[in-house]
């Protein structure tokens, strides 16, 4: 099992920061963080010594602290973020060195899943396809015409738990196109959940992106040796930034090499505050309040459809407002229209470009 734990969750700013990203936060309805919840549902499927986390230098200590049962050698630290292909390829190559031909499953650290039993059944079916040499994905049965997700076009009407061939990976569509996709019954959300044999994936990577495969392979060969730091320092920064969908899965699907198992297990990527409010908030006089450790108190009067995240330890009061997101943290406050939830990352770009990186 591989857990890519990277990114800074810019659409959840200012709650999520580069030094304290969303996967380290307890956004699960319990005291467990998203990372810990991911680990909790994977350990019944694979022992701790078969779970690997790929994370950045800035987060490796926090990962180790939150997952004390995870062997230290299984925390794979990338010195610079090079997007999902490099992170997943590193894990695949290291696992291939340690256990050639192993079936590897990759699940992001910042997703929420409610029905863990249904999740386990879906993973088992995908693993069976991977064992046969297929590049497997786990597609999510759409519940709405979402424009923020990618889609998998299936060869036939999707049926839960039944393998389908993937004909095409489609990136974020317009609303009319998304409505058409969902209505057809032949499209699934792409949640970037992948299952494959390490040797099969690496072979496809070598064929399609040797500029990623070659340096990652050399790094993996040195990973468990005294030469690791030197090899990583020499090669890692030169690996191109590319998502694994673009690098491998899209062209492989066009050649009929990708299949999916449709799943419906209460999946969410906690991608923005609107989603957070829907899943984890408590109604307080017209405001949907998301409780956080050390959070503050909310008082609401004549308020409607407002999501409040009181994470600054202070009182947050709303009066006569509607359709807003209000996030209070110790050093930054966000107020925005709910319909602009997907655009919050633009604020982090402005802060970074203007040199105010301490707030990012």
Protein backbone atom coordinates (compact mmCIF):
# COMPACT_ATOMS: atom_id res chain seq x y z
CA UNK A 1 0.00 0.00 0.00
CA UNK A 2 1.27 3.46 -0.92
CA UNK A 3 -0.01 6.74 0.49
CA UNK A 4 1.12 9.87 -1.38
CA UNK A 5 1.05 12.62 1.27
CA UNK A 6 1.94 15.86 -0.41
CA UNK A 7 0.54 19.22 -1.42
CA UNK A 8 -0.64 22.03 0.81
CA UNK A 9 -4.39 21.92 0.24
CA UNK A 10 -4.56 25.46 -1.12
CA UNK A 11 -8.37 25.39 -1.47
CA UNK A 12 -8.53 24.93 2.31
CA UNK A 13 -6.37 27.96 3.08
CA UNK A 14 -5.87 29.42 5.67
CA UNK A 15 -6.69 26.25 7.64
CA UNK A 16 -4.31 24.18 5.52
CA UNK A 17 -0.76 25.52 5.09
CA UNK A 18 2.40 24.35 3.39
CA UNK A 19 3.90 23.45 6.77
CA UNK A 20 0.67 21.97 8.13
CA UNK A 21 -1.30 20.60 5.16
CA UNK A 22 -4.83 19.24 5.32
CA UNK A 23 -3.82 15.56 5.53
CA UNK A 24 -2.34 16.25 8.99
CA UNK A 25 -5.61 17.81 10.24
CA UNK A 26 -8.41 15.87 11.99
CA UNK A 27 -10.99 16.55 9.27
CA UNK A 28 -12.64 13.17 9.71
CA UNK A 29 -15.30 13.77 12.34
CA UNK A 30 -12.96 12.13 14.89
CA UNK A 31 -9.67 12.97 16.57
CA UNK A 32 -7.79 11.07 13.85
CA UNK A 33 -6.24 13.09 11.03
CA UNK A 34 -6.98 12.36 7.38
CA UNK A 35 -3.57 10.65 7.14
CA UNK A 36 -4.28 8.51 10.19
CA UNK A 37 -7.74 7.60 8.88
CA UNK A 38 -6.16 6.53 5.58
CA UNK A 39 -3.66 4.36 7.45
CA UNK A 40 -6.42 2.90 9.63
CA UNK A 41 -8.39 1.60 6.64
CA UNK A 42 -5.31 0.24 4.86
CA UNK A 43 -3.77 -1.71 7.74
CA UNK A 44 -6.55 -4.35 7.72
CA UNK A 45 -5.66 -4.94 4.06
CA UNK A 46 -1.87 -4.94 4.50
CA UNK A 47 0.34 -5.12 7.60
CA UNK A 48 2.22 -1.94 8.65
CA UNK A 49 5.45 -3.20 7.11
CA UNK A 50 3.70 -3.20 3.72
CA UNK A 51 2.40 0.37 3.98
CA UNK A 52 4.53 3.15 2.50
CA UNK A 53 4.04 6.91 2.74
CA UNK A 54 5.63 9.26 0.20
CA UNK A 55 5.96 12.75 1.64
CA UNK A 56 8.09 15.87 1.60
CA UNK A 57 10.99 16.79 3.83
CA UNK A 58 8.89 19.34 5.72
CA UNK A 59 6.28 16.73 6.69
CA UNK A 60 8.29 13.57 7.31
CA UNK A 61 8.62 14.15 11.06
CA UNK A 62 4.88 14.81 11.43
CA UNK A 63 4.08 11.67 9.42
CA UNK A 64 6.34 9.59 11.67
CA UNK A 65 4.77 11.15 14.76
CA UNK A 66 1.21 10.50 13.60
CA UNK A 67 1.98 6.93 12.43
CA UNK A 68 4.24 5.47 15.14
CA UNK A 69 3.66 1.86 13.97
CA UNK A 70 4.83 2.59 10.43
CA UNK A 71 8.43 1.39 9.89
CA UNK A 72 10.76 4.33 9.37
CA UNK A 73 12.20 2.78 6.20
CA UNK A 74 8.71 2.95 4.69
CA UNK A 75 8.53 6.75 4.89
CA UNK A 76 9.88 7.74 1.48
CA UNK A 77 10.96 11.37 1.60
CA UNK A 78 11.11 13.42 -1.59
CA UNK A 79 13.24 16.57 -1.19
CA UNK A 80 11.19 18.55 -3.73
CA UNK A 81 7.62 18.11 -4.93
CA UNK A 82 7.67 16.78 -8.51
CA UNK A 83 3.92 15.98 -8.85
CA UNK A 84 2.20 12.62 -8.56
CA UNK A 85 4.07 10.65 -11.21
CA UNK A 86 7.47 11.04 -9.54
CA UNK A 87 6.07 10.29 -6.07
CA UNK A 88 4.17 7.19 -7.16
CA UNK A 89 7.01 6.02 -9.39
CA UNK A 90 9.47 6.32 -6.50
CA UNK A 91 7.27 4.12 -4.34
CA UNK A 92 6.78 1.61 -7.15
CA UNK A 93 10.52 1.42 -7.87
CA UNK A 94 11.51 1.04 -4.19
CA UNK A 95 8.87 -1.68 -3.68
CA UNK A 96 10.05 -3.39 -6.87
CA UNK A 97 13.58 -3.44 -5.43
CA UNK A 98 12.36 -4.93 -2.16
CA UNK A 99 9.62 -7.23 -3.49
CA UNK A 100 9.74 -7.69 -7.29
CA UNK A 101 6.36 -7.95 -8.99
CA UNK A 102 4.38 -6.97 -5.91
CA UNK A 103 0.83 -5.66 -6.28
CA UNK A 104 0.85 -2.01 -5.27
CA UNK A 105 -2.18 0.15 -4.42
CA UNK A 106 -1.96 3.93 -4.16
CA UNK A 107 -4.44 6.00 -2.13
CA UNK A 108 -4.10 9.72 -1.35
CA UNK A 109 -3.62 10.75 2.27
CA UNK A 110 -6.32 13.43 2.24
CA UNK A 111 -9.44 11.53 1.17
CA UNK A 112 -12.37 10.62 3.38
CA UNK A 113 -14.14 7.24 3.07
CA UNK A 114 -17.19 6.35 5.13
CA UNK A 115 -17.85 2.68 4.26
CA UNK A 116 -14.55 0.92 4.86
CA UNK A 117 -16.01 -2.56 4.26
CA UNK A 118 -17.23 -1.61 0.79
CA UNK A 119 -13.87 0.04 0.16
CA UNK A 120 -12.02 -3.17 1.10
CA UNK A 121 -14.18 -5.27 -1.24
CA UNK A 122 -13.54 -2.89 -4.11
CA UNK A 123 -9.79 -2.89 -3.50
CA UNK A 124 -9.74 -6.71 -3.46
CA UNK A 125 -11.45 -6.84 -6.85
CA UNK A 126 -9.02 -4.29 -8.26
CA UNK A 127 -6.07 -6.25 -6.87
CA UNK A 128 -7.27 -9.35 -8.71
CA UNK A 129 -7.16 -7.43 -11.99
CA UNK A 130 -3.74 -6.04 -11.15
CA UNK A 131 -2.43 -9.53 -10.47
CA UNK A 132 -3.42 -10.41 -14.04
CA UNK A 133 -1.24 -7.55 -15.31
CA UNK A 134 -3.83 -4.81 -15.77
CA UNK A 135 -3.39 -1.17 -14.76
CA UNK A 136 -6.37 -0.81 -12.44
CA UNK A 137 -8.17 2.24 -11.15
CA UNK A 138 -10.98 2.49 -8.63
CA UNK A 139 -13.66 4.70 -10.12
CA UNK A 140 -16.20 6.46 -7.94
CA UNK A 141 -19.87 6.29 -8.87
CA UNK A 142 -20.85 9.95 -9.48
CA UNK A 143 -23.50 11.43 -7.23
CA UNK A 144 -23.73 14.74 -9.12
CA UNK A 145 -22.35 16.41 -12.26
CA UNK A 146 -19.14 17.62 -10.61
CA UNK A 147 -16.88 19.86 -12.72
CA UNK A 148 -13.92 19.71 -10.33
CA UNK A 149 -13.10 16.02 -10.92
CA UNK A 150 -11.70 14.00 -13.78
CA UNK A 151 -13.80 11.21 -15.30
CA UNK A 152 -13.23 7.66 -16.53
CA UNK A 153 -15.15 6.64 -19.65
CA UNK A 154 -16.10 2.98 -19.32
CA UNK A 155 -16.70 0.43 -22.07
CA UNK A 156 -20.22 -0.28 -20.78
CA UNK A 157 -22.66 0.88 -18.17
CA UNK A 158 -20.82 0.91 -14.85
CA UNK A 159 -21.85 -1.75 -12.33
CA UNK A 160 -20.63 -1.61 -8.73
CA UNK A 161 -17.79 -4.00 -8.00
CA UNK A 162 -17.61 -5.29 -11.58
CA UNK A 163 -14.48 -4.73 -13.66
CA UNK A 164 -14.90 -2.43 -16.64
CA UNK A 165 -12.43 -1.47 -19.32
CA UNK A 166 -11.51 2.23 -19.31
CA UNK A 167 -11.66 3.74 -22.78
CA UNK A 168 -10.54 7.24 -21.89
CA UNK A 169 -9.59 9.52 -19.02
CA UNK A 170 -11.31 12.91 -19.31
CA UNK A 171 -10.22 15.92 -17.28
CA UNK A 172 -12.49 18.41 -15.54
CA UNK A 173 -15.46 19.01 -17.89
CA UNK A 174 -17.89 21.89 -18.17
CA UNK A 175 -21.20 21.55 -16.34
CA UNK A 176 -23.26 20.57 -19.42
CA UNK A 177 -20.67 17.93 -20.34
CA UNK A 178 -20.55 16.64 -16.74
CA UNK A 179 -24.36 16.36 -16.77
CA UNK A 180 -24.13 14.32 -19.97
CA UNK A 181 -21.46 12.07 -18.45
CA UNK A 182 -23.44 11.35 -15.30
CA UNK A 183 -26.67 10.78 -17.21
CA UNK A 184 -25.05 8.20 -19.49
CA UNK A 185 -24.08 5.86 -16.66
CA UNK A 186 -20.79 5.10 -18.41
CA UNK A 187 -18.58 7.58 -16.61
CA UNK A 188 -17.00 7.39 -13.18
CA UNK A 189 -15.12 9.96 -11.16
CA UNK A 190 -11.36 9.55 -11.27
CA UNK A 191 -10.27 9.66 -7.63
CA UNK A 192 -6.61 8.81 -8.43
CA UNK A 193 -6.84 5.42 -6.71
CA UNK A 194 -4.55 3.04 -8.58
CA UNK A 195 -3.75 -0.67 -8.25
CA UNK A 196 -1.12 -2.46 -10.35
CA UNK A 197 1.92 -4.72 -10.24
CA UNK A 198 5.05 -2.66 -9.77
CA UNK A 199 6.82 -4.31 -12.71
CA UNK A 200 3.86 -3.64 -15.02
CA UNK A 201 3.59 0.02 -14.04
CA UNK A 202 7.34 0.62 -14.33
CA UNK A 203 7.40 -1.01 -17.76
CA UNK A 204 4.66 1.34 -18.96
CA UNK A 205 6.44 4.30 -17.38
CA UNK A 206 9.70 3.41 -19.11
CA UNK A 207 7.92 3.20 -22.47
CA UNK A 208 6.09 6.51 -22.10
CA UNK A 209 8.22 8.71 -19.84
CA UNK A 210 11.84 7.56 -19.73
CA UNK A 211 12.73 11.02 -18.39
CA UNK A 212 10.92 10.01 -15.18
CA UNK A 213 11.66 6.28 -15.23
CA UNK A 214 15.44 6.47 -15.57
CA UNK A 215 16.28 8.81 -12.67
CA UNK A 216 13.66 7.22 -10.39
CA UNK A 217 15.07 3.74 -11.10
CA UNK A 218 18.61 4.87 -10.24
CA UNK A 219 17.34 6.49 -7.04
CA UNK A 220 15.45 3.33 -6.05
CA UNK A 221 18.54 1.18 -6.63
CA UNK A 222 20.42 3.36 -4.15
CA UNK A 223 17.53 3.88 -1.74
CA UNK A 224 18.50 1.23 0.82
CA UNK A 225 22.23 1.95 0.55
CA UNK A 226 24.64 4.54 1.92
CA UNK A 227 24.59 6.29 -1.48
CA UNK A 228 20.94 7.34 -1.23
CA UNK A 229 21.47 10.98 -0.27
CA UNK A 230 24.08 11.58 -2.97
CA UNK A 231 22.00 9.95 -5.71
CA UNK A 232 18.79 11.69 -4.67
CA UNK A 233 20.62 15.03 -4.44
CA UNK A 234 22.00 14.59 -7.92
CA UNK A 235 18.93 13.31 -9.76
CA UNK A 236 15.67 14.23 -8.03
CA UNK A 237 15.46 17.93 -8.93
CA UNK A 238 15.79 17.10 -12.63
CA UNK A 239 12.72 14.85 -12.72
CA UNK A 240 9.92 16.56 -14.70
CA UNK A 241 6.75 17.61 -12.90
CA UNK A 242 3.90 15.59 -14.38
CA UNK A 243 0.78 13.89 -13.04
CA UNK A 244 0.63 10.11 -13.32
CA UNK A 245 -2.66 10.42 -15.25
CA UNK A 246 -0.97 12.38 -18.03
CA UNK A 247 2.28 10.41 -17.96
CA UNK A 248 0.93 6.86 -17.95
CA UNK A 249 -2.79 6.34 -17.46
CA UNK A 250 -4.22 8.45 -20.32
CA UNK A 251 -2.03 6.95 -23.07
CA UNK A 252 -2.32 3.46 -21.56
CA UNK A 253 -6.13 3.74 -21.52
CA UNK A 254 -6.08 4.70 -25.20
CA UNK A 255 -4.30 1.39 -25.85
CA UNK A 256 -6.81 -0.65 -23.85
CA UNK A 257 -4.48 -1.33 -20.93
CA UNK A 258 -6.52 0.29 -18.14
CA UNK A 259 -9.51 -1.13 -16.30
CA UNK A 260 -11.58 0.04 -13.35
CA UNK A 261 -13.74 -1.31 -10.57
CA UNK A 262 -16.64 1.06 -9.80
CA UNK A 263 -16.99 1.80 -6.09
CA UNK A 264 -19.54 3.55 -3.90
CA UNK A 265 -18.21 3.84 -0.36
CA UNK A 266 -18.86 7.43 0.72
CA UNK A 267 -15.74 8.91 -0.88
CA UNK A 268 -14.78 12.58 -0.67
CA UNK A 269 -11.52 14.38 -1.34
CA UNK A 270 -12.31 17.19 1.19
CA UNK A 271 -11.29 19.51 -1.61
CA UNK A 272 -12.83 22.76 -0.37
CA UNK A 273 -14.73 24.34 2.51
CA UNK A 274 -18.09 23.79 0.83
CA UNK A 275 -17.44 20.02 0.90
CA UNK A 276 -16.11 20.25 4.45
CA UNK A 277 -19.29 21.99 5.54
CA UNK A 278 -21.48 19.36 3.90
CA UNK A 279 -19.68 16.44 5.49
CA UNK A 280 -18.54 17.53 8.94
CA UNK A 281 -20.42 20.65 10.02
CA UNK A 282 -22.95 21.07 12.81
CA UNK A 283 -25.87 23.45 12.33
CA UNK A 284 -25.77 26.49 14.64
CA UNK A 285 -28.61 28.94 14.02
CA UNK A 286 -28.19 29.01 10.25
CA UNK A 287 -24.43 28.55 10.22
CA UNK A 288 -22.70 25.25 9.47
CA UNK A 289 -19.85 25.09 11.98
CA UNK A 290 -16.82 22.85 11.45
CA UNK A 291 -15.25 22.09 14.83
CA UNK A 292 -11.45 21.97 15.02
CA UNK A 293 -9.11 21.26 17.96
CA UNK A 294 -8.55 24.47 19.88
CA UNK A 295 -11.27 26.16 17.89
CA UNK A 296 -13.44 29.02 19.01
CA UNK A 297 -17.13 29.64 19.65
CA UNK A 298 -19.68 30.65 17.02
CA UNK A 299 -22.65 32.95 17.60
CA UNK A 300 -25.01 33.30 14.67
CA UNK A 301 -28.04 35.59 14.20
CA UNK A 302 -30.18 35.82 11.04
CA UNK A 303 -27.56 33.81 9.15
CA UNK A 304 -28.26 31.48 6.24
CA UNK A 305 -26.08 28.98 4.37
CA UNK A 306 -22.81 30.11 5.94
CA UNK A 307 -19.89 27.73 6.62
CA UNK A 308 -17.82 28.78 9.64
CA UNK A 309 -14.48 27.24 10.65
CA UNK A 310 -13.50 28.77 14.02
CA UNK A 311 -9.89 27.55 14.23
CA UNK A 312 -8.38 30.65 15.83
CA UNK A 313 -9.53 30.07 19.39
CA UNK A 314 -11.74 33.18 19.27
CA UNK A 315 -15.41 34.00 19.14
CA UNK A 316 -16.74 34.23 15.59
CA UNK A 317 -20.06 36.06 15.24
CA UNK A 318 -22.20 36.36 12.11
CA UNK A 319 -25.18 38.68 11.74
CA UNK A 320 -27.57 39.01 8.82
CA UNK A 321 -25.33 37.33 6.23
CA UNK A 322 -25.79 34.44 3.82
CA UNK A 323 -23.89 32.26 1.36
CA UNK A 324 -20.46 32.88 2.88
CA UNK A 325 -17.42 30.91 4.02
CA UNK A 326 -15.74 32.29 7.13
CA UNK A 327 -12.47 30.75 8.34
CA UNK A 328 -10.69 32.12 11.41
CA UNK A 329 -7.13 31.04 12.24
CA UNK A 330 -4.60 32.61 14.64
CA UNK A 331 -2.88 34.68 11.94
CA UNK A 332 -5.34 34.91 9.04
CA UNK A 333 -9.07 35.28 8.41
CA UNK A 334 -10.86 34.30 5.21
CA UNK A 335 -14.27 35.57 4.13
CA UNK A 336 -15.57 34.59 0.71
CA UNK A 337 -18.73 33.76 -1.17
CA UNK A 338 -19.58 30.07 -1.07
CA UNK A 339 -19.74 29.89 -4.85
CA UNK A 340 -16.09 30.97 -4.98
CA UNK A 341 -14.82 28.12 -2.79
CA UNK A 342 -12.83 26.60 -5.66
CA UNK A 343 -10.98 29.91 -6.21
CA UNK A 344 -9.43 30.23 -2.74
CA UNK A 345 -6.12 28.90 -4.03
CA UNK A 346 -5.76 32.14 -6.02
CA UNK A 347 -5.23 33.94 -2.72
CA UNK A 348 -2.29 31.68 -1.90
CA UNK A 349 -0.79 32.43 -5.30
CA UNK A 350 -1.06 36.18 -4.64
CA UNK A 351 0.52 35.80 -1.21
CA UNK A 352 3.37 33.74 -2.62
CA UNK A 353 3.98 36.10 -5.52
CA UNK A 354 4.03 39.11 -3.20
CA UNK A 355 6.56 37.51 -0.83
CA UNK A 356 4.13 36.86 2.03
CA UNK A 357 5.09 33.19 2.14
CA UNK A 358 4.75 33.03 5.93
CA UNK A 359 0.99 33.03 5.48
CA UNK A 360 1.05 30.23 2.91
